[in-house]
Amino acid sequence: MSFGNGPFVQVACFCENVIDDKSNVLSLIRIIDTITQTAVGNPPPENMPPANMTFKLVIMLKSGVARGRHNLRITPELPDGSTKDSIITTVHFDGEEKGHNQVANLSFSFPLEGLYWFDVFIDDEKITSLPMRVKYNRVVTGT
């Protein structure tokens, strides 16, 4: 399937919270693309300990010409180029301006400092990628 005419990505982001009101309108709270892991000690670890985070992944799609059932897959790529297991769910498209909002609660361990990419696929075609930068901040105490 070629996605030149849909589905289209309306929003793809990470945030701390999502409010879904009675009319199915989403409010995204505190959109994030950078995490800072801080370690305090005398001395703190030279290498970053894993940063375990919980956040929301929001993907809003509009159908365009797309119809029917498709797989939505998100594949995390670590700064060293390795990948973690994909998250796969089913989306349904009804065509035109109708769409699909996918809000996922993620608990993710960031084992490395650097830039992570979360590649988003419909079936086997990549439609977008979301970056997440992880920084390590060492604070030395008691010197």
N, C-alpha and C. Protein backbone atom coordinates (compact mmCIF):
# COMPACT_ATOMS: atom_id res chain seq x y z
N MET A 1 0.85 -1.18 0.00
CA MET A 1 0.00 0.00 0.00
C MET A 1 0.89 1.23 0.00
N SER A 2 0.63 2.17 -0.85
CA SER A 2 1.35 3.44 -0.87
C SER A 2 0.52 4.47 -0.12
N PHE A 3 1.21 5.28 0.69
CA PHE A 3 0.50 6.22 1.56
C PHE A 3 0.53 7.65 1.05
N GLY A 4 0.69 7.85 -0.26
CA GLY A 4 0.69 9.20 -0.81
C GLY A 4 -0.64 9.91 -0.64
N ASN A 5 -1.72 9.13 -0.55
CA ASN A 5 -3.06 9.71 -0.40
C ASN A 5 -3.75 9.29 0.90
N GLY A 6 -2.98 8.82 1.86
CA GLY A 6 -3.52 8.47 3.17
C GLY A 6 -3.20 7.04 3.52
N PRO A 7 -3.17 6.75 4.81
CA PRO A 7 -3.51 7.66 5.89
C PRO A 7 -2.43 8.71 6.12
N PHE A 8 -2.84 9.80 6.78
CA PHE A 8 -1.96 10.92 7.06
C PHE A 8 -1.74 11.04 8.57
N VAL A 9 -0.54 11.44 8.96
CA VAL A 9 -0.23 11.67 10.37
C VAL A 9 -0.66 13.08 10.72
N GLN A 10 -1.59 13.19 11.64
CA GLN A 10 -2.02 14.50 12.12
C GLN A 10 -1.17 14.92 13.31
N VAL A 11 -0.92 13.99 14.24
CA VAL A 11 -0.09 14.24 15.43
C VAL A 11 0.64 12.96 15.76
N ALA A 12 1.90 13.09 16.14
CA ALA A 12 2.67 11.96 16.68
C ALA A 12 3.62 12.56 17.71
N CYS A 13 3.39 12.22 18.99
CA CYS A 13 4.22 12.82 20.04
C CYS A 13 4.16 11.98 21.32
N PHE A 14 5.08 12.32 22.22
CA PHE A 14 5.08 11.79 23.58
C PHE A 14 4.60 12.91 24.49
N CYS A 15 3.85 12.56 25.52
CA CYS A 15 3.43 13.56 26.50
C CYS A 15 3.23 12.89 27.85
N GLU A 16 3.07 13.75 28.86
CA GLU A 16 2.89 13.22 30.22
C GLU A 16 1.46 12.77 30.48
N ASN A 17 0.48 13.45 29.85
CA ASN A 17 -0.91 13.08 30.11
C ASN A 17 -1.78 13.44 28.91
N VAL A 18 -2.91 12.76 28.80
CA VAL A 18 -3.88 13.02 27.75
C VAL A 18 -5.26 13.06 28.39
N ILE A 19 -6.00 14.10 28.06
CA ILE A 19 -7.40 14.20 28.48
C ILE A 19 -8.25 13.94 27.25
N ASP A 20 -9.14 12.96 27.34
CA ASP A 20 -10.07 12.63 26.26
C ASP A 20 -11.46 13.00 26.76
N ASP A 21 -12.02 14.11 26.27
CA ASP A 21 -13.30 14.57 26.79
C ASP A 21 -14.47 13.80 26.19
N LYS A 22 -15.67 14.16 26.58
CA LYS A 22 -16.87 13.43 26.17
C LYS A 22 -17.12 13.45 24.67
N SER A 23 -16.58 14.45 23.96
CA SER A 23 -16.80 14.53 22.52
C SER A 23 -15.61 13.97 21.73
N ASN A 24 -14.76 13.16 22.40
CA ASN A 24 -13.59 12.53 21.78
C ASN A 24 -12.56 13.53 21.28
N VAL A 25 -12.43 14.67 21.96
CA VAL A 25 -11.41 15.66 21.66
C VAL A 25 -10.27 15.46 22.65
N LEU A 26 -9.04 15.34 22.12
CA LEU A 26 -7.89 15.09 22.96
C LEU A 26 -7.19 16.39 23.34
N SER A 27 -6.77 16.48 24.59
CA SER A 27 -5.89 17.55 25.06
C SER A 27 -4.60 16.89 25.51
N LEU A 28 -3.49 17.31 24.90
CA LEU A 28 -2.19 16.73 25.21
C LEU A 28 -1.49 17.62 26.21
N ILE A 29 -1.07 17.04 27.33
CA ILE A 29 -0.47 17.79 28.43
C ILE A 29 1.02 17.49 28.50
N ARG A 30 1.84 18.54 28.47
CA ARG A 30 3.30 18.48 28.59
C ARG A 30 3.92 17.54 27.55
N ILE A 31 3.94 18.00 26.32
CA ILE A 31 4.59 17.25 25.24
C ILE A 31 6.09 17.23 25.50
N ILE A 32 6.68 16.03 25.37
CA ILE A 32 8.11 15.88 25.71
C ILE A 32 8.87 15.22 24.57
N ASP A 33 10.13 15.62 24.44
CA ASP A 33 11.03 14.95 23.50
C ASP A 33 12.43 14.82 24.08
N THR A 34 12.60 15.22 25.36
CA THR A 34 13.88 15.11 26.05
C THR A 34 13.65 14.67 27.48
N ILE A 35 14.47 13.73 27.94
CA ILE A 35 14.44 13.25 29.31
C ILE A 35 15.83 13.44 29.89
N THR A 36 15.91 13.96 31.11
CA THR A 36 17.20 14.08 31.78
C THR A 36 17.21 13.15 32.98
N GLN A 37 18.13 12.21 32.98
CA GLN A 37 18.33 11.27 34.09
C GLN A 37 19.44 11.85 34.96
N THR A 38 19.15 12.10 36.23
CA THR A 38 20.13 12.68 37.15
C THR A 38 20.54 11.64 38.18
N ALA A 39 21.85 11.54 38.39
CA ALA A 39 22.38 10.66 39.44
C ALA A 39 23.20 11.53 40.39
N VAL A 40 22.96 11.33 41.70
CA VAL A 40 23.64 12.09 42.73
C VAL A 40 24.48 11.13 43.55
N GLY A 41 25.71 11.52 43.89
CA GLY A 41 26.53 10.66 44.73
C GLY A 41 27.94 11.19 44.85
N ASN A 42 28.76 10.42 45.57
CA ASN A 42 30.15 10.78 45.77
C ASN A 42 31.03 9.57 45.47
N PRO A 43 31.36 9.32 44.23
CA PRO A 43 30.88 10.00 43.03
C PRO A 43 29.66 9.27 42.47
N PRO A 44 28.88 9.95 41.65
CA PRO A 44 27.78 9.26 40.96
C PRO A 44 28.36 8.36 39.87
N PRO A 45 27.58 7.40 39.40
CA PRO A 45 28.09 6.49 38.37
C PRO A 45 28.57 7.27 37.13
N GLU A 46 29.66 6.82 36.56
CA GLU A 46 30.19 7.45 35.34
C GLU A 46 29.24 7.22 34.16
N ASN A 47 28.71 6.00 34.07
CA ASN A 47 27.75 5.69 33.02
C ASN A 47 26.33 5.79 33.58
N MET A 48 25.44 6.24 32.73
CA MET A 48 24.06 6.45 33.14
C MET A 48 23.38 5.14 33.55
N PRO A 49 22.79 5.11 34.76
CA PRO A 49 21.92 3.97 35.08
C PRO A 49 20.65 4.06 34.23
N PRO A 50 19.99 2.94 33.97
CA PRO A 50 18.78 2.98 33.14
C PRO A 50 17.75 3.98 33.68
N ALA A 51 17.15 4.73 32.77
CA ALA A 51 16.09 5.68 33.12
C ALA A 51 14.76 5.00 32.81
N ASN A 52 14.01 4.68 33.85
CA ASN A 52 12.71 4.03 33.68
C ASN A 52 11.64 5.11 33.71
N MET A 53 10.91 5.24 32.61
CA MET A 53 9.94 6.31 32.46
C MET A 53 8.57 5.75 32.09
N THR A 54 7.55 6.46 32.53
CA THR A 54 6.17 6.17 32.12
C THR A 54 5.62 7.43 31.47
N PHE A 55 5.07 7.29 30.27
CA PHE A 55 4.54 8.43 29.53
C PHE A 55 3.52 7.94 28.53
N LYS A 56 2.92 8.86 27.82
CA LYS A 56 1.91 8.53 26.80
C LYS A 56 2.52 8.72 25.42
N LEU A 57 2.17 7.83 24.52
CA LEU A 57 2.48 7.96 23.10
C LEU A 57 1.16 8.22 22.40
N VAL A 58 1.09 9.34 21.66
CA VAL A 58 -0.14 9.72 20.98
C VAL A 58 0.12 9.75 19.48
N ILE A 59 -0.67 9.00 18.74
CA ILE A 59 -0.60 9.01 17.28
C ILE A 59 -2.03 9.24 16.77
N MET A 60 -2.20 10.36 16.08
CA MET A 60 -3.50 10.69 15.50
C MET A 60 -3.37 10.61 13.99
N LEU A 61 -4.20 9.78 13.38
CA LEU A 61 -4.13 9.54 11.94
C LEU A 61 -5.45 9.93 11.28
N LYS A 62 -5.36 10.42 10.05
CA LYS A 62 -6.55 10.71 9.23
C LYS A 62 -6.52 9.77 8.04
N SER A 63 -7.66 9.23 7.68
CA SER A 63 -7.74 8.16 6.69
C SER A 63 -7.28 8.53 5.29
N GLY A 64 -7.74 9.67 4.76
CA GLY A 64 -7.52 9.92 3.33
C GLY A 64 -8.22 8.82 2.55
N VAL A 65 -7.50 8.16 1.64
CA VAL A 65 -8.11 7.07 0.86
C VAL A 65 -8.05 5.72 1.58
N ALA A 66 -7.35 5.65 2.71
CA ALA A 66 -7.19 4.37 3.42
C ALA A 66 -8.54 3.88 3.95
N ARG A 67 -8.75 2.58 3.80
CA ARG A 67 -9.97 1.95 4.29
C ARG A 67 -9.60 0.61 4.92
N GLY A 68 -10.40 0.23 5.89
CA GLY A 68 -10.26 -1.10 6.46
C GLY A 68 -9.27 -1.20 7.60
N ARG A 69 -8.93 -2.44 7.91
CA ARG A 69 -8.10 -2.78 9.06
C ARG A 69 -6.64 -2.85 8.65
N HIS A 70 -5.78 -2.24 9.48
CA HIS A 70 -4.34 -2.24 9.23
C HIS A 70 -3.60 -2.39 10.56
N ASN A 71 -2.36 -2.83 10.48
CA ASN A 71 -1.51 -2.91 11.67
C ASN A 71 -0.75 -1.62 11.86
N LEU A 72 -0.77 -1.09 13.07
CA LEU A 72 0.05 0.04 13.48
C LEU A 72 1.16 -0.52 14.34
N ARG A 73 2.40 -0.26 13.93
CA ARG A 73 3.56 -0.82 14.64
C ARG A 73 4.51 0.30 15.00
N ILE A 74 4.98 0.30 16.26
CA ILE A 74 5.97 1.25 16.73
C ILE A 74 7.20 0.46 17.15
N THR A 75 8.35 0.79 16.55
CA THR A 75 9.59 0.07 16.84
C THR A 75 10.62 1.04 17.41
N PRO A 76 11.02 0.85 18.68
CA PRO A 76 12.03 1.72 19.28
C PRO A 76 13.44 1.34 18.82
N GLU A 77 14.21 2.37 18.43
CA GLU A 77 15.62 2.18 18.07
C GLU A 77 16.48 2.94 19.07
N LEU A 78 17.44 2.24 19.69
CA LEU A 78 18.32 2.82 20.68
C LEU A 78 19.46 3.59 20.03
N PRO A 79 20.16 4.43 20.80
CA PRO A 79 21.27 5.21 20.24
C PRO A 79 22.37 4.36 19.60
N ASP A 80 22.53 3.11 20.05
CA ASP A 80 23.57 2.25 19.46
C ASP A 80 23.10 1.53 18.20
N GLY A 81 21.87 1.82 17.75
CA GLY A 81 21.35 1.22 16.52
C GLY A 81 20.55 -0.05 16.74
N SER A 82 20.57 -0.61 17.94
CA SER A 82 19.78 -1.81 18.22
C SER A 82 18.31 -1.42 18.39
N THR A 83 17.42 -2.41 18.28
CA THR A 83 15.99 -2.15 18.44
C THR A 83 15.43 -2.99 19.57
N LYS A 84 14.34 -2.49 20.13
CA LYS A 84 13.58 -3.25 21.13
C LYS A 84 12.33 -3.81 20.46
N ASP A 85 11.63 -4.67 21.18
CA ASP A 85 10.42 -5.27 20.65
C ASP A 85 9.42 -4.21 20.22
N SER A 86 8.76 -4.46 19.11
CA SER A 86 7.76 -3.54 18.59
C SER A 86 6.46 -3.63 19.38
N ILE A 87 5.73 -2.53 19.36
CA ILE A 87 4.37 -2.48 19.88
C ILE A 87 3.47 -2.52 18.65
N ILE A 88 2.53 -3.46 18.62
CA ILE A 88 1.66 -3.62 17.45
C ILE A 88 0.21 -3.58 17.90
N THR A 89 -0.59 -2.80 17.20
CA THR A 89 -2.02 -2.74 17.46
C THR A 89 -2.75 -2.62 16.12
N THR A 90 -4.05 -2.81 16.14
CA THR A 90 -4.86 -2.71 14.94
C THR A 90 -5.54 -1.35 14.88
N VAL A 91 -5.56 -0.75 13.69
CA VAL A 91 -6.30 0.49 13.46
C VAL A 91 -7.28 0.25 12.32
N HIS A 92 -8.39 0.99 12.37
CA HIS A 92 -9.42 0.87 11.35
C HIS A 92 -9.62 2.23 10.70
N PHE A 93 -9.67 2.26 9.39
CA PHE A 93 -9.86 3.50 8.65
C PHE A 93 -11.18 3.44 7.88
N ASP A 94 -11.92 4.55 7.94
CA ASP A 94 -13.21 4.66 7.26
C ASP A 94 -13.16 5.62 6.08
N GLY A 95 -11.97 6.14 5.78
CA GLY A 95 -11.83 7.02 4.63
C GLY A 95 -12.02 8.49 4.95
N GLU A 96 -11.54 9.31 4.01
CA GLU A 96 -11.68 10.76 4.02
C GLU A 96 -11.10 11.38 5.29
N GLU A 97 -11.87 12.28 5.95
CA GLU A 97 -11.34 13.00 7.11
C GLU A 97 -11.44 12.20 8.41
N LYS A 98 -12.11 11.06 8.33
CA LYS A 98 -12.24 10.23 9.53
C LYS A 98 -10.88 9.65 9.87
N GLY A 99 -10.68 9.37 11.12
CA GLY A 99 -9.35 8.90 11.50
C GLY A 99 -9.35 7.97 12.68
N HIS A 100 -8.17 7.86 13.23
CA HIS A 100 -7.95 6.97 14.37
C HIS A 100 -6.99 7.66 15.33
N ASN A 101 -7.36 7.71 16.61
CA ASN A 101 -6.48 8.23 17.65
C ASN A 101 -5.96 7.05 18.47
N GLN A 102 -4.66 6.91 18.51
CA GLN A 102 -4.05 5.85 19.31
C GLN A 102 -3.31 6.51 20.47
N VAL A 103 -3.75 6.22 21.68
CA VAL A 103 -3.09 6.71 22.88
C VAL A 103 -2.60 5.49 23.65
N ALA A 104 -1.28 5.37 23.79
CA ALA A 104 -0.70 4.20 24.47
C ALA A 104 0.01 4.65 25.73
N ASN A 105 -0.23 3.93 26.82
CA ASN A 105 0.52 4.13 28.05
C ASN A 105 1.80 3.31 27.94
N LEU A 106 2.94 3.98 27.97
CA LEU A 106 4.22 3.29 27.84
C LEU A 106 5.02 3.36 29.11
N SER A 107 5.57 2.24 29.50
CA SER A 107 6.62 2.17 30.51
C SER A 107 7.85 1.70 29.75
N PHE A 108 8.87 2.52 29.72
CA PHE A 108 10.01 2.24 28.86
C PHE A 108 11.29 2.46 29.65
N SER A 109 12.24 1.55 29.48
CA SER A 109 13.55 1.68 30.10
C SER A 109 14.53 2.19 29.05
N PHE A 110 15.14 3.33 29.33
CA PHE A 110 16.16 3.92 28.47
C PHE A 110 17.52 3.56 29.06
N PRO A 111 18.19 2.53 28.51
CA PRO A 111 19.44 2.07 29.11
C PRO A 111 20.66 2.91 28.73
N LEU A 112 20.54 3.73 27.69
CA LEU A 112 21.69 4.48 27.17
C LEU A 112 21.37 5.96 27.08
N GLU A 113 22.40 6.76 27.21
CA GLU A 113 22.29 8.19 26.94
C GLU A 113 22.31 8.38 25.43
N GLY A 114 21.56 9.33 24.91
CA GLY A 114 21.59 9.59 23.48
C GLY A 114 20.21 9.73 22.87
N LEU A 115 20.17 9.64 21.54
CA LEU A 115 18.94 9.86 20.79
C LEU A 115 18.27 8.53 20.43
N TYR A 116 17.04 8.38 20.86
CA TYR A 116 16.20 7.23 20.53
C TYR A 116 15.23 7.64 19.44
N TRP A 117 14.90 6.71 18.55
CA TRP A 117 13.89 6.94 17.53
C TRP A 117 12.80 5.89 17.69
N PHE A 118 11.56 6.31 17.63
CA PHE A 118 10.41 5.41 17.66
C PHE A 118 9.79 5.48 16.27
N ASP A 119 10.07 4.46 15.45
CA ASP A 119 9.59 4.41 14.08
C ASP A 119 8.15 3.89 14.06
N VAL A 120 7.29 4.58 13.30
CA VAL A 120 5.87 4.25 13.24
C VAL A 120 5.56 3.73 11.84
N PHE A 121 4.94 2.55 11.80
CA PHE A 121 4.62 1.88 10.54
C PHE A 121 3.12 1.61 10.46
N ILE A 122 2.56 1.74 9.28
CA ILE A 122 1.25 1.18 8.97
C ILE A 122 1.54 -0.02 8.08
N ASP A 123 1.10 -1.18 8.53
CA ASP A 123 1.49 -2.44 7.90
C ASP A 123 3.02 -2.46 7.85
N ASP A 124 3.66 -2.48 6.70
CA ASP A 124 5.12 -2.52 6.66
C ASP A 124 5.74 -1.23 6.12
N GLU A 125 4.94 -0.16 6.01
CA GLU A 125 5.46 1.09 5.47
C GLU A 125 5.62 2.13 6.58
N LYS A 126 6.84 2.67 6.69
CA LYS A 126 7.12 3.68 7.71
C LYS A 126 6.43 4.98 7.33
N ILE A 127 5.66 5.54 8.31
CA ILE A 127 4.94 6.78 8.04
C ILE A 127 5.53 7.96 8.80
N THR A 128 6.25 7.72 9.89
CA THR A 128 6.91 8.80 10.63
C THR A 128 7.82 8.20 11.68
N SER A 129 8.62 9.06 12.31
CA SER A 129 9.49 8.67 13.42
C SER A 129 9.43 9.75 14.49
N LEU A 130 9.46 9.32 15.74
CA LEU A 130 9.44 10.26 16.87
C LEU A 130 10.78 10.18 17.60
N PRO A 131 11.44 11.32 17.84
CA PRO A 131 12.69 11.30 18.58
C PRO A 131 12.47 11.44 20.08
N MET A 132 13.36 10.86 20.86
CA MET A 132 13.40 11.08 22.31
C MET A 132 14.88 11.14 22.70
N ARG A 133 15.31 12.30 23.16
CA ARG A 133 16.70 12.50 23.58
C ARG A 133 16.80 12.21 25.07
N VAL A 134 17.78 11.40 25.46
CA VAL A 134 18.02 11.09 26.87
C VAL A 134 19.39 11.66 27.24
N LYS A 135 19.38 12.52 28.26
CA LYS A 135 20.61 13.14 28.76
C LYS A 135 20.92 12.62 30.15
N TYR A 136 22.20 12.58 30.47
CA TYR A 136 22.64 12.11 31.78
C TYR A 136 23.33 13.25 32.50
N ASN A 137 22.83 13.55 33.69
CA ASN A 137 23.36 14.64 34.50
C ASN A 137 23.93 14.06 35.79
N ARG A 138 25.26 14.17 35.97
CA ARG A 138 25.94 13.68 37.19
C ARG A 138 26.10 14.84 38.18
N VAL A 139 25.67 14.60 39.42
CA VAL A 139 25.83 15.60 40.48
C VAL A 139 26.69 14.98 41.57
N VAL A 140 27.90 15.56 41.76
CA VAL A 140 28.83 15.07 42.77
C VAL A 140 28.54 15.77 44.08
N THR A 141 28.37 14.99 45.16
CA THR A 141 28.10 15.58 46.48
C THR A 141 29.21 15.18 47.45
N GLY A 142 29.34 15.96 48.51
CA GLY A 142 30.26 15.62 49.61
C GLY A 142 31.73 15.73 49.28
N THR A 143 32.12 16.64 48.42
CA THR A 143 33.56 16.80 48.13
C THR A 143 34.16 17.89 48.95
